N, C-alpha and C. Protein backbone atom coordinates (compact mmCIF):
# COMPACT_ATOMS: atom_id res chain seq x y z
N MET A 1 148.41 51.32 190.42
CA MET A 1 147.37 51.31 191.31
C MET A 1 148.52 51.10 192.58
N THR A 2 148.05 51.60 193.84
CA THR A 2 148.81 51.66 194.77
C THR A 2 148.54 50.11 195.40
N ASN A 3 149.74 49.64 196.13
CA ASN A 3 149.74 48.49 196.86
C ASN A 3 148.27 48.39 197.51
N GLU A 4 147.78 49.15 198.23
CA GLU A 4 146.56 48.94 198.80
C GLU A 4 145.39 48.56 197.98
N GLU A 5 145.11 49.26 196.58
CA GLU A 5 144.47 49.18 195.72
C GLU A 5 144.42 47.99 195.27
N LEU A 6 145.75 46.94 195.09
CA LEU A 6 146.13 46.24 194.49
C LEU A 6 146.13 44.71 195.35
N ASN A 7 145.85 45.00 196.12
CA ASN A 7 145.74 44.24 197.58
C ASN A 7 144.02 43.77 197.61
N THR A 8 143.57 44.88 197.35
CA THR A 8 141.89 45.36 197.48
C THR A 8 141.37 44.49 196.52
N ALA A 9 141.82 44.50 194.92
CA ALA A 9 141.73 44.01 193.44
C ALA A 9 141.77 42.68 193.92
N LEU A 10 143.00 41.91 194.44
CA LEU A 10 143.15 40.56 194.15
C LEU A 10 141.94 40.19 195.15
N TYR A 11 142.13 40.61 196.47
CA TYR A 11 141.25 40.16 197.40
C TYR A 11 140.07 39.50 196.60
N GLN A 12 139.07 41.11 195.93
CA GLN A 12 138.13 40.76 195.09
C GLN A 12 138.12 39.93 194.38
N LYS A 13 138.51 39.62 193.72
CA LYS A 13 139.08 38.48 192.71
C LYS A 13 139.05 37.22 193.22
N MET A 14 139.39 37.20 194.40
CA MET A 14 139.58 35.99 194.84
C MET A 14 138.51 35.53 195.93
N PHE A 15 137.51 36.84 196.06
CA PHE A 15 136.45 36.49 196.75
C PHE A 15 135.11 36.18 195.84
N ALA A 16 135.75 37.07 194.58
CA ALA A 16 134.45 36.21 193.56
C ALA A 16 134.48 35.15 193.06
N GLU A 17 136.04 34.72 193.14
CA GLU A 17 136.02 32.78 192.77
C GLU A 17 135.58 32.03 193.76
N GLN A 18 135.60 32.57 195.26
CA GLN A 18 135.33 31.28 196.09
C GLN A 18 133.62 31.65 196.21
N GLU A 19 132.97 32.84 195.63
CA GLU A 19 131.91 32.61 195.61
C GLU A 19 131.35 31.92 194.25
N LYS A 20 132.07 31.80 193.57
CA LYS A 20 131.68 30.89 192.25
C LYS A 20 131.29 29.49 192.53
N TYR A 21 132.83 29.04 193.35
CA TYR A 21 133.03 27.54 193.94
C TYR A 21 131.58 27.25 195.16
N ARG A 22 131.60 28.41 195.68
CA ARG A 22 130.15 28.19 196.63
C ARG A 22 129.01 27.88 195.92
N GLU A 23 128.89 28.91 195.06
CA GLU A 23 127.46 28.52 194.23
C GLU A 23 127.42 27.07 193.72
N TRP A 24 128.47 26.21 192.55
CA TRP A 24 128.67 25.17 192.28
C TRP A 24 128.56 24.22 193.45
N LEU A 25 129.11 24.39 194.57
CA LEU A 25 129.04 23.68 195.80
C LEU A 25 127.66 23.52 195.99
N LEU A 26 126.68 24.60 196.49
CA LEU A 26 125.36 24.56 196.82
C LEU A 26 124.22 23.31 195.83
N CYS A 27 124.83 23.32 194.58
CA CYS A 27 124.30 22.60 193.81
C CYS A 27 124.37 21.15 193.59
N GLN A 28 125.82 20.56 194.27
CA GLN A 28 125.88 19.27 194.14
C GLN A 28 125.08 18.79 195.20
N PRO A 29 124.97 17.39 194.78
CA PRO A 29 124.61 16.19 196.57
C PRO A 29 125.27 16.40 197.55
N SER A 30 124.44 15.80 198.46
CA SER A 30 125.00 16.19 199.86
C SER A 30 126.23 15.74 200.13
N GLU A 31 126.71 14.13 199.21
CA GLU A 31 127.59 13.95 199.92
C GLU A 31 129.00 14.68 198.92
N ALA A 32 128.45 14.88 197.69
CA ALA A 32 129.93 15.52 197.37
C ALA A 32 130.18 16.75 197.90
N VAL A 33 129.22 17.29 198.51
CA VAL A 33 129.46 18.91 199.31
C VAL A 33 130.27 18.17 200.42
N LEU A 34 130.43 17.20 201.12
CA LEU A 34 131.00 16.96 202.48
C LEU A 34 132.39 16.43 201.47
N ASP A 35 132.63 15.67 200.55
CA ASP A 35 133.58 15.72 200.16
C ASP A 35 134.73 16.55 199.94
N HIS A 36 133.76 18.44 199.60
CA HIS A 36 134.32 19.17 199.70
C HIS A 36 134.75 20.14 200.61
N THR A 37 134.12 19.71 201.40
CA THR A 37 134.18 20.65 202.95
C THR A 37 135.56 21.06 203.07
N TYR A 38 136.46 20.06 203.17
CA TYR A 38 137.95 20.70 203.50
C TYR A 38 138.44 22.04 202.53
N GLU A 39 138.27 21.52 201.23
CA GLU A 39 138.56 22.72 199.98
C GLU A 39 138.05 23.90 200.19
N TYR A 40 136.53 23.89 200.64
CA TYR A 40 136.02 24.94 200.71
C TYR A 40 136.59 25.96 202.46
N THR A 41 136.66 24.96 203.31
CA THR A 41 137.34 25.49 204.42
C THR A 41 138.81 26.25 204.51
N MET A 42 139.29 25.98 203.89
CA MET A 42 140.45 25.85 203.36
C MET A 42 141.29 27.19 202.28
N ARG A 43 139.83 27.43 201.31
CA ARG A 43 140.23 28.59 200.58
C ARG A 43 139.75 29.28 201.79
N GLU A 44 138.44 29.24 202.53
CA GLU A 44 138.02 30.13 203.06
C GLU A 44 139.06 30.83 203.91
N ASP A 45 139.76 30.15 204.76
CA ASP A 45 140.99 30.64 205.62
C ASP A 45 141.78 31.29 204.30
N ILE A 46 142.25 31.22 203.12
CA ILE A 46 143.28 31.85 202.08
C ILE A 46 142.72 33.14 202.35
N LEU A 47 141.70 33.13 202.09
CA LEU A 47 140.38 34.64 201.95
C LEU A 47 140.81 35.61 202.72
N LEU A 48 140.59 34.82 204.47
CA LEU A 48 141.22 35.41 205.81
C LEU A 48 142.13 35.86 205.71
N ALA A 49 143.24 35.22 205.61
CA ALA A 49 144.70 35.59 205.60
C ALA A 49 144.44 36.56 204.77
N LEU A 50 144.23 36.71 203.64
CA LEU A 50 144.56 37.82 202.84
C LEU A 50 143.87 39.29 203.28
N GLU A 51 142.95 38.62 203.62
CA GLU A 51 141.96 39.93 204.29
C GLU A 51 142.92 40.91 205.47
N TYR A 52 143.62 39.93 206.51
CA TYR A 52 144.33 40.57 207.45
C TYR A 52 145.81 40.62 206.89
N ASN A 53 146.33 40.39 205.93
CA ASN A 53 147.66 40.81 205.56
C ASN A 53 147.93 41.35 204.09
N ASP A 54 148.85 42.01 203.89
CA ASP A 54 149.61 42.67 202.57
C ASP A 54 150.58 42.11 201.74
N LEU A 55 150.12 42.02 200.87
CA LEU A 55 151.16 41.43 199.86
C LEU A 55 151.97 42.51 199.20
N THR A 56 153.48 42.41 198.76
CA THR A 56 153.65 43.08 198.00
C THR A 56 153.48 43.72 196.73
N SER A 57 153.47 44.88 196.57
CA SER A 57 152.57 45.02 195.20
C SER A 57 153.39 44.11 193.96
N ALA A 58 154.31 43.91 193.75
CA ALA A 58 154.80 42.48 192.83
C ALA A 58 154.34 41.08 193.16
N GLN A 59 154.01 41.21 194.80
CA GLN A 59 153.30 39.96 195.11
C GLN A 59 151.73 39.92 194.35
N ALA A 60 151.16 40.78 194.70
CA ALA A 60 149.75 40.75 194.27
C ALA A 60 149.31 40.92 192.42
N LYS A 61 150.22 42.06 192.25
CA LYS A 61 150.28 42.17 190.46
C LYS A 61 150.39 40.50 189.90
N ALA A 62 151.49 39.49 190.56
CA ALA A 62 151.66 38.21 189.77
C ALA A 62 150.70 37.41 190.51
N LEU A 63 149.53 37.34 191.18
CA LEU A 63 148.80 36.56 191.83
C LEU A 63 147.39 36.88 190.90
N LEU A 64 147.78 38.58 190.70
CA LEU A 64 146.57 39.13 189.94
C LEU A 64 146.32 38.51 188.57
N ARG A 65 147.51 37.85 187.74
CA ARG A 65 147.86 37.63 185.97
C ARG A 65 147.01 36.24 186.10
N SER A 66 146.72 35.55 187.26
CA SER A 66 146.29 33.84 187.22
C SER A 66 144.87 34.11 187.25
N PRO A 67 143.82 33.54 186.07
CA PRO A 67 142.79 33.76 186.26
C PRO A 67 141.88 33.09 187.55
N SER A 68 142.55 32.24 187.86
CA SER A 68 142.16 31.87 189.32
C SER A 68 143.28 31.38 190.84
N PRO A 69 143.14 32.60 191.14
CA PRO A 69 144.61 32.74 191.92
C PRO A 69 143.95 32.23 193.29
N LEU A 70 142.84 32.31 193.65
CA LEU A 70 142.53 31.33 194.81
C LEU A 70 142.50 29.88 194.98
N ALA A 71 142.31 29.41 193.32
CA ALA A 71 142.50 28.04 193.31
C ALA A 71 144.18 27.96 193.03
N ASP A 72 144.89 28.35 192.38
CA ASP A 72 146.55 28.08 192.64
C ASP A 72 147.08 27.75 193.92
N VAL A 73 146.56 28.81 194.85
CA VAL A 73 147.11 29.06 195.93
C VAL A 73 146.78 27.77 196.71
N PHE A 74 145.42 27.08 196.41
CA PHE A 74 144.76 26.26 197.58
C PHE A 74 145.55 24.98 196.78
N LYS A 75 145.97 24.90 195.64
CA LYS A 75 146.57 23.56 195.09
C LYS A 75 147.98 23.56 195.67
N ASP A 76 148.80 25.22 195.94
CA ASP A 76 150.24 24.86 196.77
C ASP A 76 149.67 24.53 198.38
N TRP A 77 148.87 24.95 198.82
CA TRP A 77 148.53 24.89 200.34
C TRP A 77 148.70 23.21 200.19
N GLU A 78 147.58 22.63 199.50
CA GLU A 78 147.60 21.14 200.00
C GLU A 78 149.03 20.05 199.72
N LYS A 79 149.89 21.07 198.96
CA LYS A 79 151.39 20.14 198.64
C LYS A 79 152.10 20.47 199.98
N ARG A 80 151.72 21.31 200.61
CA ARG A 80 152.93 21.82 201.99
C ARG A 80 152.37 20.76 203.01
N GLU A 81 153.58 20.63 203.77
CA GLU A 81 153.66 19.84 205.44
C GLU A 81 153.12 20.77 206.35
N SER A 82 152.04 20.53 206.92
CA SER A 82 151.76 20.82 207.84
C SER A 82 151.36 20.00 209.47
N SER A 83 151.79 21.29 210.71
CA SER A 83 151.87 20.45 211.57
C SER A 83 150.54 20.60 212.27
N HIS A 84 149.28 20.62 211.13
CA HIS A 84 147.90 20.47 211.28
C HIS A 84 147.57 19.81 212.84
N MET A 85 147.44 18.37 212.01
CA MET A 85 147.47 17.39 212.41
C MET A 85 148.33 16.98 214.04
N ASP A 86 149.33 17.51 214.19
CA ASP A 86 149.85 17.39 215.46
C ASP A 86 149.44 18.41 216.86
N GLU A 87 149.07 19.51 215.57
CA GLU A 87 148.73 20.17 216.94
C GLU A 87 146.98 19.78 217.27
N ILE A 88 146.44 19.34 216.05
CA ILE A 88 144.93 18.76 217.15
C ILE A 88 145.12 17.26 218.03
N TRP A 89 146.33 16.57 217.48
CA TRP A 89 146.85 15.88 218.51
C TRP A 89 146.99 16.28 219.92
N GLU A 90 147.74 17.40 219.68
CA GLU A 90 148.33 17.70 221.26
C GLU A 90 146.67 18.52 221.91
N THR A 91 145.89 18.89 221.29
CA THR A 91 144.50 19.31 221.68
C THR A 91 144.11 18.11 222.50
N ILE A 92 144.19 16.83 221.97
CA ILE A 92 143.47 16.05 222.73
C ILE A 92 144.12 15.52 223.71
N VAL A 93 145.42 15.17 223.37
CA VAL A 93 146.17 14.74 224.81
C VAL A 93 146.10 16.16 226.30
N ALA A 94 146.18 17.05 225.64
CA ALA A 94 145.97 18.36 226.86
C ALA A 94 144.47 17.78 227.34
N ARG A 95 143.52 18.16 226.32
CA ARG A 95 142.25 17.86 227.14
C ARG A 95 142.18 16.81 227.59
N ALA A 96 142.46 15.53 227.80
CA ALA A 96 142.66 14.21 228.49
C ALA A 96 142.97 14.48 229.56
N ASN A 97 144.40 15.53 229.72
CA ASN A 97 145.36 15.52 231.01
C ASN A 97 144.35 16.46 231.82
N THR A 98 143.71 17.39 230.98
CA THR A 98 142.81 18.65 232.07
C THR A 98 141.73 17.51 232.50
N VAL A 99 141.12 17.05 232.15
CA VAL A 99 140.11 16.29 232.48
C VAL A 99 140.81 14.98 233.34
N ILE A 100 141.33 14.17 233.63
CA ILE A 100 142.25 13.44 234.28
C ILE A 100 142.41 14.81 235.83
N ALA A 101 143.24 15.90 235.50
CA ALA A 101 143.48 16.68 236.64
C ALA A 101 142.49 16.37 237.67
N ARG A 102 141.31 17.06 236.49
CA ARG A 102 140.12 17.47 237.35
C ARG A 102 139.62 16.35 238.09
N ALA A 103 139.54 15.42 237.80
CA ALA A 103 138.74 14.00 238.68
C ALA A 103 139.63 13.54 239.42
N LYS A 104 141.28 13.75 239.79
CA LYS A 104 141.98 13.59 240.90
C LYS A 104 142.20 14.46 241.86
N ALA A 105 141.44 16.05 241.76
CA ALA A 105 140.95 17.22 242.34
C ALA A 105 139.93 16.88 243.19
N GLY A 106 139.11 15.98 242.79
CA GLY A 106 137.94 15.88 243.12
C GLY A 106 136.82 16.94 242.87
N PRO A 107 135.39 16.59 243.35
CA PRO A 107 134.21 17.39 243.20
C PRO A 107 134.68 18.70 243.67
N GLU A 108 134.55 20.04 242.66
CA GLU A 108 135.00 21.29 243.58
C GLU A 108 133.53 21.72 244.60
N ARG A 109 134.21 22.58 245.19
CA ARG A 109 133.10 23.28 246.11
C ARG A 109 132.86 24.24 245.75
């Protein structure tokens, strides 16, 4: 298989895994769906990253060997430290500062 074919095969396998997870999630009570929202969203982001980037052939083959590569990647993602909350906080502060600056500038004409 070419590198492109390997990456496509991996994407398709992970996409199918996500579809199965989605189908399961839709059969759950509303509260359970809310409890799994973060996981579902992060798995979607993993798929999106895979859609726009390519792994090496060796990397794609390694992940293809797993029966559930998407769940595996998500489990590893959960263990990582991320600046996500820092970025949210910075956005809150920036928005507040923008509102303050606009208020000080007075009404627009």
